[in-house]
PDB file of N, CA and C in Angstrom:
ATOM      1  N   UNK A   1       6.362  -4.604  11.147  1.00  0.00           N
ATOM      2  CA  UNK A   1       5.711  -3.411  11.657  1.00  0.00           C
ATOM      3  C   UNK A   1       4.225  -3.495  11.320  1.00  0.00           C
ATOM      4  N   UNK A   2       3.394  -3.375  12.315  1.00  0.00           N
ATOM      5  CA  UNK A   2       1.949  -3.367  12.077  1.00  0.00           C
ATOM      6  C   UNK A   2       1.486  -1.919  11.951  1.00  0.00           C
ATOM      7  N   UNK A   3       0.223  -1.740  11.628  1.00  0.00           N
ATOM      8  CA  UNK A   3      -0.326  -0.387  11.520  1.00  0.00           C
ATOM      9  C   UNK A   3      -0.270   0.332  12.864  1.00  0.00           C
ATOM     10  N   UNK A   4      -0.267  -0.420  13.961  1.00  0.00           N
ATOM     11  CA  UNK A   4      -0.198   0.222  15.270  1.00  0.00           C
ATOM     12  C   UNK A   4       1.168   0.837  15.516  1.00  0.00           C
ATOM     13  N   UNK A   5       2.203   0.344  14.845  1.00  0.00           N
ATOM     14  CA  UNK A   5       3.546   0.876  15.035  1.00  0.00           C
ATOM     15  C   UNK A   5       3.892   2.030  14.106  1.00  0.00           C
ATOM     16  N   UNK A   6       2.946   2.452  13.291  1.00  0.00           N
ATOM     17  CA  UNK A   6       3.184   3.523  12.325  1.00  0.00           C
ATOM     18  C   UNK A   6       2.640   4.832  12.875  1.00  0.00           C
ATOM     19  N   UNK A   7       3.388   5.897  12.683  1.00  0.00           N
ATOM     20  CA  UNK A   7       2.955   7.231  13.063  1.00  0.00           C
ATOM     21  C   UNK A   7       1.544   7.482  12.508  1.00  0.00           C
ATOM     22  N   UNK A   8       0.626   8.008  13.330  1.00  0.00           N
ATOM     23  CA  UNK A   8      -0.769   8.202  12.888  1.00  0.00           C
ATOM     24  C   UNK A   8      -0.900   9.045  11.611  1.00  0.00           C
ATOM     25  N   UNK A   9      -0.083  10.069  11.463  1.00  0.00           N
ATOM     26  CA  UNK A   9      -0.155  10.895  10.253  1.00  0.00           C
ATOM     27  C   UNK A   9       0.278  10.101   9.027  1.00  0.00           C
ATOM     28  N   UNK A  10       1.341   9.323   9.159  1.00  0.00           N
ATOM     29  CA  UNK A  10       1.809   8.487   8.065  1.00  0.00           C
ATOM     30  C   UNK A  10       0.761   7.420   7.741  1.00  0.00           C
ATOM     31  N   UNK A  11       0.193   6.835   8.761  1.00  0.00           N
ATOM     32  CA  UNK A  11      -0.845   5.809   8.581  1.00  0.00           C
ATOM     33  C   UNK A  11      -2.007   6.367   7.766  1.00  0.00           C
ATOM     34  N   UNK A  12      -2.467   7.556   8.112  1.00  0.00           N
ATOM     35  CA  UNK A  12      -3.594   8.148   7.400  1.00  0.00           C
ATOM     36  C   UNK A  12      -3.225   8.546   5.974  1.00  0.00           C
ATOM     37  N   UNK A  13      -1.999   8.991   5.782  1.00  0.00           N
ATOM     38  CA  UNK A  13      -1.564   9.332   4.426  1.00  0.00           C
ATOM     39  C   UNK A  13      -1.482   8.080   3.552  1.00  0.00           C
ATOM     40  N   UNK A  14      -0.998   6.982   4.112  1.00  0.00           N
ATOM     41  CA  UNK A  14      -0.972   5.718   3.376  1.00  0.00           C
ATOM     42  C   UNK A  14      -2.394   5.272   3.029  1.00  0.00           C
ATOM     43  N   UNK A  15      -3.297   5.407   3.970  1.00  0.00           N
ATOM     44  CA  UNK A  15      -4.698   5.059   3.713  1.00  0.00           C
ATOM     45  C   UNK A  15      -5.261   5.888   2.566  1.00  0.00           C
ATOM     46  N   UNK A  16      -4.970   7.192   2.575  1.00  0.00           N
ATOM     47  CA  UNK A  16      -5.467   8.063   1.510  1.00  0.00           C
ATOM     48  C   UNK A  16      -4.941   7.626   0.140  1.00  0.00           C
ATOM     49  N   UNK A  17      -3.661   7.284   0.098  1.00  0.00           N
ATOM     50  CA  UNK A  17      -3.061   6.843  -1.167  1.00  0.00           C
ATOM     51  C   UNK A  17      -3.727   5.560  -1.651  1.00  0.00           C
ATOM     52  N   UNK A  18      -3.864   4.587  -0.768  1.00  0.00           N
ATOM     53  CA  UNK A  18      -4.481   3.322  -1.166  1.00  0.00           C
ATOM     54  C   UNK A  18      -5.936   3.514  -1.581  1.00  0.00           C
ATOM     55  N   UNK A  19      -6.655   4.336  -0.860  1.00  0.00           N
ATOM     56  CA  UNK A  19      -8.050   4.571  -1.210  1.00  0.00           C
ATOM     57  C   UNK A  19      -8.169   5.322  -2.535  1.00  0.00           C
ATOM     58  N   UNK A  20      -7.252   6.241  -2.784  1.00  0.00           N
ATOM     59  CA  UNK A  20      -7.259   6.986  -4.048  1.00  0.00           C
ATOM     60  C   UNK A  20      -7.079   6.032  -5.233  1.00  0.00           C
ATOM     61  N   UNK A  21      -6.141   5.120  -5.123  1.00  0.00           N
ATOM     62  CA  UNK A  21      -5.859   4.185  -6.217  1.00  0.00           C
ATOM     63  C   UNK A  21      -6.788   2.973  -6.185  1.00  0.00           C
ATOM     64  N   UNK A  22      -7.303   2.633  -5.017  1.00  0.00           N
ATOM     65  CA  UNK A  22      -8.257   1.535  -4.820  1.00  0.00           C
ATOM     66  C   UNK A  22      -7.930   0.335  -5.726  1.00  0.00           C
ATOM     67  N   UNK A  23      -6.786  -0.303  -5.482  1.00  0.00           N
ATOM     68  CA  UNK A  23      -6.277  -1.313  -6.415  1.00  0.00           C
ATOM     69  C   UNK A  23      -7.175  -2.523  -6.655  1.00  0.00           C
ATOM     70  N   UNK A  24      -8.060  -2.856  -5.727  1.00  0.00           N
ATOM     71  CA  UNK A  24      -8.954  -3.999  -5.958  1.00  0.00           C
ATOM     72  C   UNK A  24     -10.435  -3.607  -5.885  1.00  0.00           C
ATOM     73  N   UNK A  25     -10.704  -2.311  -5.890  1.00  0.00           N
ATOM     74  CA  UNK A  25     -12.086  -1.841  -5.970  1.00  0.00           C
ATOM     75  C   UNK A  25     -12.944  -2.098  -4.747  1.00  0.00           C
ATOM     76  N   UNK A  26     -12.355  -1.980  -3.555  1.00  0.00           N
ATOM     77  CA  UNK A  26     -13.136  -2.233  -2.340  1.00  0.00           C
ATOM     78  C   UNK A  26     -13.427  -0.975  -1.522  1.00  0.00           C
ATOM     79  N   UNK A  27     -12.813   0.145  -1.876  1.00  0.00           N
ATOM     80  CA  UNK A  27     -13.038   1.381  -1.130  1.00  0.00           C
ATOM     81  C   UNK A  27     -14.360   1.996  -1.571  1.00  0.00           C
ATOM     82  N   UNK A  28     -15.199   2.335  -0.562  1.00  0.00           N
ATOM     83  CA  UNK A  28     -16.502   2.928  -0.861  1.00  0.00           C
ATOM     84  C   UNK A  28     -16.507   4.434  -0.608  1.00  0.00           C
ATOM     85  N   UNK A  29     -16.145   4.806   0.611  1.00  0.00           N
ATOM     86  CA  UNK A  29     -16.180   6.217   1.010  1.00  0.00           C
ATOM     87  C   UNK A  29     -15.421   6.350   2.327  1.00  0.00           C
ATOM     88  N   UNK A  30     -14.835   7.495   2.535  1.00  0.00           N
ATOM     89  CA  UNK A  30     -14.036   7.711   3.746  1.00  0.00           C
ATOM     90  C   UNK A  30     -14.822   7.426   5.021  1.00  0.00           C
ATOM     91  N   UNK A  31     -16.100   7.749   5.034  1.00  0.00           N
ATOM     92  CA  UNK A  31     -16.925   7.522   6.223  1.00  0.00           C
ATOM     93  C   UNK A  31     -17.306   6.055   6.399  1.00  0.00           C
ATOM     94  N   UNK A  32     -17.141   5.253   5.360  1.00  0.00           N
ATOM     95  CA  UNK A  32     -17.572   3.860   5.396  1.00  0.00           C
ATOM     96  C   UNK A  32     -16.418   2.915   5.707  1.00  0.00           C
ATOM     97  N   UNK A  33     -15.336   3.010   4.937  1.00  0.00           N
ATOM     98  CA  UNK A  33     -14.242   2.045   5.127  1.00  0.00           C
ATOM     99  C   UNK A  33     -12.869   2.651   4.827  1.00  0.00           C
ATOM    100  N   UNK A  34     -12.562   3.736   5.512  1.00  0.00           N
ATOM    101  CA  UNK A  34     -11.290   4.446   5.333  1.00  0.00           C
ATOM    102  C   UNK A  34     -10.092   3.534   5.576  1.00  0.00           C
ATOM    103  N   UNK A  35     -10.212   2.577   6.492  1.00  0.00           N
ATOM    104  CA  UNK A  35      -9.090   1.714   6.871  1.00  0.00           C
ATOM    105  C   UNK A  35      -9.150   0.331   6.209  1.00  0.00           C
ATOM    106  N   UNK A  36      -9.871   0.203   5.137  1.00  0.00           N
ATOM    107  CA  UNK A  36     -10.081  -1.094   4.471  1.00  0.00           C
ATOM    108  C   UNK A  36      -8.775  -1.775   4.068  1.00  0.00           C
ATOM    109  N   UNK A  37      -7.779  -1.000   3.670  1.00  0.00           N
ATOM    110  CA  UNK A  37      -6.518  -1.567   3.183  1.00  0.00           C
ATOM    111  C   UNK A  37      -5.451  -1.717   4.281  1.00  0.00           C
ATOM    112  N   UNK A  38      -5.814  -1.552   5.539  1.00  0.00           N
ATOM    113  CA  UNK A  38      -4.826  -1.636   6.621  1.00  0.00           C
ATOM    114  C   UNK A  38      -4.019  -2.942   6.630  1.00  0.00           C
ATOM    115  N   UNK A  39      -4.625  -4.111   6.466  1.00  0.00           N
ATOM    116  CA  UNK A  39      -3.817  -5.344   6.481  1.00  0.00           C
ATOM    117  C   UNK A  39      -2.771  -5.364   5.365  1.00  0.00           C
ATOM    118  N   UNK A  40      -3.151  -4.899   4.189  1.00  0.00           N
ATOM    119  CA  UNK A  40      -2.213  -4.870   3.073  1.00  0.00           C
ATOM    120  C   UNK A  40      -1.120  -3.833   3.300  1.00  0.00           C
ATOM    121  N   UNK A  41      -1.498  -2.687   3.831  1.00  0.00           N
ATOM    122  CA  UNK A  41      -0.523  -1.635   4.111  1.00  0.00           C
ATOM    123  C   UNK A  41       0.524  -2.139   5.095  1.00  0.00           C
ATOM    124  N   UNK A  42       0.103  -2.837   6.135  1.00  0.00           N
ATOM    125  CA  UNK A  42       1.057  -3.367   7.123  1.00  0.00           C
ATOM    126  C   UNK A  42       2.095  -4.254   6.444  1.00  0.00           C
ATOM    127  N   UNK A  43       1.651  -5.160   5.597  1.00  0.00           N
ATOM    128  CA  UNK A  43       2.573  -6.044   4.901  1.00  0.00           C
ATOM    129  C   UNK A  43       3.477  -5.309   3.934  1.00  0.00           C
ATOM    130  N   UNK A  44       2.937  -4.285   3.319  1.00  0.00           N
ATOM    131  CA  UNK A  44       3.702  -3.525   2.335  1.00  0.00           C
ATOM    132  C   UNK A  44       4.775  -2.672   2.998  1.00  0.00           C
ATOM    133  N   UNK A  45       4.489  -2.101   4.154  1.00  0.00           N
ATOM    134  CA  UNK A  45       5.496  -1.303   4.861  1.00  0.00           C
ATOM    135  C   UNK A  45       6.692  -2.183   5.222  1.00  0.00           C
ATOM    136  N   UNK A  46       6.436  -3.394   5.671  1.00  0.00           N
ATOM    137  CA  UNK A  46       7.527  -4.327   5.993  1.00  0.00           C
ATOM    138  C   UNK A  46       8.358  -4.603   4.742  1.00  0.00           C
ATOM    139  N   UNK A  47       7.697  -4.839   3.638  1.00  0.00           N
ATOM    140  CA  UNK A  47       8.400  -5.155   2.390  1.00  0.00           C
ATOM    141  C   UNK A  47       9.138  -3.960   1.810  1.00  0.00           C
ATOM    142  N   UNK A  48       8.670  -2.749   2.100  1.00  0.00           N
ATOM    143  CA  UNK A  48       9.367  -1.551   1.630  1.00  0.00           C
ATOM    144  C   UNK A  48      10.803  -1.544   2.129  1.00  0.00           C
ATOM    145  N   UNK A  49      10.971  -1.883   3.389  1.00  0.00           N
ATOM    146  CA  UNK A  49      12.309  -1.845   3.990  1.00  0.00           C
ATOM    147  C   UNK A  49      13.254  -2.856   3.356  1.00  0.00           C
ATOM    148  N   UNK A  50      12.705  -3.900   2.724  1.00  0.00           N
ATOM    149  CA  UNK A  50      13.530  -4.912   2.062  1.00  0.00           C
ATOM    150  C   UNK A  50      13.773  -4.604   0.592  1.00  0.00           C
ATOM    151  N   UNK A  51      12.995  -3.696   0.031  1.00  0.00           N
ATOM    152  CA  UNK A  51      13.079  -3.389  -1.390  1.00  0.00           C
ATOM    153  C   UNK A  51      14.258  -2.473  -1.680  1.00  0.00           C
ATOM    154  N   UNK A  52      14.918  -2.759  -2.776  1.00  0.00           N
ATOM    155  CA  UNK A  52      16.088  -1.963  -3.165  1.00  0.00           C
ATOM    156  C   UNK A  52      15.728  -0.811  -4.095  1.00  0.00           C
ATOM    157  N   UNK A  53      14.562  -0.909  -4.763  1.00  0.00           N
ATOM    158  CA  UNK A  53      14.174   0.129  -5.710  1.00  0.00           C
ATOM    159  C   UNK A  53      12.661   0.074  -5.936  1.00  0.00           C
ATOM    160  N   UNK A  54      12.172   1.016  -6.737  1.00  0.00           N
ATOM    161  CA  UNK A  54      10.745   1.128  -6.981  1.00  0.00           C
ATOM    162  C   UNK A  54      10.188  -0.106  -7.686  1.00  0.00           C
ATOM    163  N   UNK A  55      10.882  -0.642  -8.658  1.00  0.00           N
ATOM    164  CA  UNK A  55      10.419  -1.834  -9.393  1.00  0.00           C
ATOM    165  C   UNK A  55      10.247  -3.012  -8.436  1.00  0.00           C
ATOM    166  N   UNK A  56      11.242  -3.231  -7.599  1.00  0.00           N
ATOM    167  CA  UNK A  56      11.168  -4.326  -6.619  1.00  0.00           C
ATOM    168  C   UNK A  56      10.004  -4.099  -5.658  1.00  0.00           C
ATOM    169  N   UNK A  57       9.813  -2.844  -5.248  1.00  0.00           N
ATOM    170  CA  UNK A  57       8.726  -2.512  -4.338  1.00  0.00           C
ATOM    171  C   UNK A  57       7.365  -2.761  -4.995  1.00  0.00           C
ATOM    172  N   UNK A  58       7.217  -2.388  -6.249  1.00  0.00           N
ATOM    173  CA  UNK A  58       5.957  -2.632  -6.968  1.00  0.00           C
ATOM    174  C   UNK A  58       5.667  -4.127  -7.029  1.00  0.00           C
ATOM    175  N   UNK A  59       6.691  -4.933  -7.270  1.00  0.00           N
ATOM    176  CA  UNK A  59       6.512  -6.384  -7.276  1.00  0.00           C
ATOM    177  C   UNK A  59       6.046  -6.876  -5.912  1.00  0.00           C
ATOM    178  N   UNK A  60       6.597  -6.312  -4.853  1.00  0.00           N
ATOM    179  CA  UNK A  60       6.196  -6.691  -3.491  1.00  0.00           C
ATOM    180  C   UNK A  60       4.732  -6.341  -3.228  1.00  0.00           C
ATOM    181  N   UNK A  61       4.315  -5.153  -3.673  1.00  0.00           N
ATOM    182  CA  UNK A  61       2.913  -4.762  -3.503  1.00  0.00           C
ATOM    183  C   UNK A  61       2.010  -5.767  -4.215  1.00  0.00           C
ATOM    184  N   UNK A  62       2.356  -6.114  -5.430  1.00  0.00           N
ATOM    185  CA  UNK A  62       1.553  -7.064  -6.193  1.00  0.00           C
ATOM    186  C   UNK A  62       1.507  -8.415  -5.487  1.00  0.00           C
ATOM    187  N   UNK A  63       2.617  -8.836  -4.905  1.00  0.00           N
ATOM    188  CA  UNK A  63       2.652 -10.107  -4.174  1.00  0.00           C
ATOM    189  C   UNK A  63       1.741 -10.072  -2.951  1.00  0.00           C
ATOM    190  N   UNK A  64       1.735  -8.959  -2.239  1.00  0.00           N
ATOM    191  CA  UNK A  64       0.868  -8.833  -1.062  1.00  0.00           C
ATOM    192  C   UNK A  64      -0.596  -8.986  -1.483  1.00  0.00           C
ATOM    193  N   UNK A  65      -0.995  -8.286  -2.514  1.00  0.00           N
ATOM    194  CA  UNK A  65      -2.384  -8.378  -2.961  1.00  0.00           C
ATOM    195  C   UNK A  65      -2.696  -9.757  -3.529  1.00  0.00           C
ATOM    196  N   UNK A  66      -1.748 -10.339  -4.199  1.00  0.00           N
ATOM    197  CA  UNK A  66      -1.924 -11.694  -4.739  1.00  0.00           C
ATOM    198  C   UNK A  66      -2.208 -12.678  -3.596  1.00  0.00           C
ATOM    199  N   UNK A  67      -1.475 -12.537  -2.507  1.00  0.00           N
ATOM    200  CA  UNK A  67      -1.656 -13.426  -1.353  1.00  0.00           C
ATOM    201  C   UNK A  67      -2.915 -13.117  -0.555  1.00  0.00           C
ATOM    202  N   UNK A  68      -3.248 -11.850  -0.403  1.00  0.00           N
ATOM    203  CA  UNK A  68      -4.385 -11.464   0.429  1.00  0.00           C
ATOM    204  C   UNK A  68      -5.731 -11.653  -0.279  1.00  0.00           C
ATOM    205  N   UNK A  69      -5.730 -11.604  -1.607  1.00  0.00           N
ATOM    206  CA  UNK A  69      -6.972 -11.669  -2.360  1.00  0.00           C
ATOM    207  C   UNK A  69      -6.985 -12.843  -3.328  1.00  0.00           C
ATOM    208  N   UNK A  70      -6.536 -13.980  -2.863  1.00  0.00           N
ATOM    209  CA  UNK A  70      -6.634 -15.243  -3.608  1.00  0.00           C
ATOM    210  C   UNK A  70      -6.211 -15.147  -5.072  1.00  0.00           C
ATOM    211  N   UNK A  71      -5.013 -14.679  -5.282  1.00  0.00           N
ATOM    212  CA  UNK A  71      -4.444 -14.707  -6.619  1.00  0.00           C
ATOM    213  C   UNK A  71      -4.704 -13.502  -7.487  1.00  0.00           C
ATOM    214  N   UNK A  72      -5.352 -12.468  -6.957  1.00  0.00           N
ATOM    215  CA  UNK A  72      -5.619 -11.270  -7.761  1.00  0.00           C
ATOM    216  C   UNK A  72      -4.310 -10.566  -8.098  1.00  0.00           C
ATOM    217  N   UNK A  73      -4.258  -9.986  -9.253  1.00  0.00           N
ATOM    218  CA  UNK A  73      -3.135  -9.149  -9.672  1.00  0.00           C
ATOM    219  C   UNK A  73      -3.691  -7.758  -9.954  1.00  0.00           C
ATOM    220  N   UNK A  74      -2.941  -6.748  -9.573  1.00  0.00           N
ATOM    221  CA  UNK A  74      -3.354  -5.361  -9.783  1.00  0.00           C
ATOM    222  C   UNK A  74      -3.005  -4.966 -11.216  1.00  0.00           C
ATOM    223  N   UNK A  75      -3.895  -4.220 -11.851  1.00  0.00           N
ATOM    224  CA  UNK A  75      -3.591  -3.714 -13.198  1.00  0.00           C
ATOM    225  C   UNK A  75      -2.282  -2.939 -13.166  1.00  0.00           C
ATOM    226  N   UNK A  76      -1.471  -3.112 -14.205  1.00  0.00           N
ATOM    227  CA  UNK A  76      -0.137  -2.519 -14.234  1.00  0.00           C
ATOM    228  C   UNK A  76      -0.160  -1.002 -14.058  1.00  0.00           C
ATOM    229  N   UNK A  77      -1.058  -0.306 -14.731  1.00  0.00           N
ATOM    230  CA  UNK A  77      -1.080   1.151 -14.602  1.00  0.00           C
ATOM    231  C   UNK A  77      -1.442   1.580 -13.181  1.00  0.00           C
ATOM    232  N   UNK A  78      -2.384   0.891 -12.564  1.00  0.00           N
ATOM    233  CA  UNK A  78      -2.746   1.185 -11.172  1.00  0.00           C
ATOM    234  C   UNK A  78      -1.597   0.847 -10.242  1.00  0.00           C
ATOM    235  N   UNK A  79      -0.981  -0.303 -10.442  1.00  0.00           N
ATOM    236  CA  UNK A  79       0.146  -0.728  -9.613  1.00  0.00           C
ATOM    237  C   UNK A  79       1.290   0.266  -9.695  1.00  0.00           C
ATOM    238  N   UNK A  80       1.622   0.706 -10.899  1.00  0.00           N
ATOM    239  CA  UNK A  80       2.733   1.647 -11.073  1.00  0.00           C
ATOM    240  C   UNK A  80       2.489   2.956 -10.334  1.00  0.00           C
ATOM    241  N   UNK A  81       1.271   3.494 -10.437  1.00  0.00           N
ATOM    242  CA  UNK A  81       0.950   4.757  -9.760  1.00  0.00           C
ATOM    243  C   UNK A  81       0.921   4.583  -8.246  1.00  0.00           C
ATOM    244  N   UNK A  82       0.303   3.502  -7.790  1.00  0.00           N
ATOM    245  CA  UNK A  82       0.236   3.215  -6.353  1.00  0.00           C
ATOM    246  C   UNK A  82       1.638   3.031  -5.777  1.00  0.00           C
ATOM    247  N   UNK A  83       2.436   2.209  -6.426  1.00  0.00           N
ATOM    248  CA  UNK A  83       3.789   1.930  -5.937  1.00  0.00           C
ATOM    249  C   UNK A  83       4.611   3.211  -5.876  1.00  0.00           C
ATOM    250  N   UNK A  84       4.522   4.046  -6.899  1.00  0.00           N
ATOM    251  CA  UNK A  84       5.288   5.294  -6.929  1.00  0.00           C
ATOM    252  C   UNK A  84       4.890   6.202  -5.764  1.00  0.00           C
ATOM    253  N   UNK A  85       3.588   6.386  -5.571  1.00  0.00           N
ATOM    254  CA  UNK A  85       3.119   7.268  -4.493  1.00  0.00           C
ATOM    255  C   UNK A  85       3.538   6.744  -3.123  1.00  0.00           C
ATOM    256  N   UNK A  86       3.362   5.457  -2.897  1.00  0.00           N
ATOM    257  CA  UNK A  86       3.706   4.868  -1.597  1.00  0.00           C
ATOM    258  C   UNK A  86       5.216   4.875  -1.397  1.00  0.00           C
ATOM    259  N   UNK A  87       5.961   4.529  -2.432  1.00  0.00           N
ATOM    260  CA  UNK A  87       7.420   4.477  -2.342  1.00  0.00           C
ATOM    261  C   UNK A  87       7.984   5.860  -1.996  1.00  0.00           C
ATOM    262  N   UNK A  88       7.499   6.878  -2.671  1.00  0.00           N
ATOM    263  CA  UNK A  88       7.982   8.234  -2.396  1.00  0.00           C
ATOM    264  C   UNK A  88       7.666   8.665  -0.972  1.00  0.00           C
ATOM    265  N   UNK A  89       6.456   8.364  -0.512  1.00  0.00           N
ATOM    266  CA  UNK A  89       6.084   8.725   0.856  1.00  0.00           C
ATOM    267  C   UNK A  89       6.947   7.980   1.869  1.00  0.00           C
ATOM    268  N   UNK A  90       7.042   6.666   1.727  1.00  0.00           N
ATOM    269  CA  UNK A  90       7.824   5.875   2.689  1.00  0.00           C
ATOM    270  C   UNK A  90       9.298   6.207   2.610  1.00  0.00           C
ATOM    271  N   UNK A  91       9.792   6.476   1.428  1.00  0.00           N
ATOM    272  CA  UNK A  91      11.198   6.825   1.283  1.00  0.00           C
ATOM    273  C   UNK A  91      11.510   8.118   2.041  1.00  0.00           C
ATOM    274  N   UNK A  92      10.596   9.072   2.012  1.00  0.00           N
ATOM    275  CA  UNK A  92      10.824  10.332   2.725  1.00  0.00           C
ATOM    276  C   UNK A  92      10.621  10.183   4.233  1.00  0.00           C
ATOM    277  N   UNK A  93       9.795   9.229   4.642  1.00  0.00           N
ATOM    278  CA  UNK A  93       9.460   9.087   6.062  1.00  0.00           C
ATOM    279  C   UNK A  93      10.269   8.036   6.804  1.00  0.00           C
ATOM    280  N   UNK A  94      10.694   6.977   6.126  1.00  0.00           N
ATOM    281  CA  UNK A  94      11.294   5.827   6.833  1.00  0.00           C
ATOM    282  C   UNK A  94      12.779   5.583   6.540  1.00  0.00           C
ATOM    283  N   UNK A  95      13.299   6.077   5.449  1.00  0.00           N
ATOM    284  CA  UNK A  95      14.708   5.760   5.149  1.00  0.00           C
ATOM    285  C   UNK A  95      15.631   6.838   5.642  1.00  0.00           C
TER     286      UNK A  95
END
């Protein structure tokens, strides 16, 4: 599923969550790069459907960022908060 296949409201809510947590420090301002994390979000939504629980999903998020940003790992506290927020949203919207 790409970002084009996601409901616009869900897409924007995912963007807000990612920008709030800004796991790799690339978000500047909503008017500048609100959709900066779209490629990562697309990959993460696909992996959500394969994840059995929050821990597995957090690992998937870390893997996406590791692959997209040449080996970067997200700080554990940031990853845990990001994964929880995204997991809860997707769980209510997609499962």
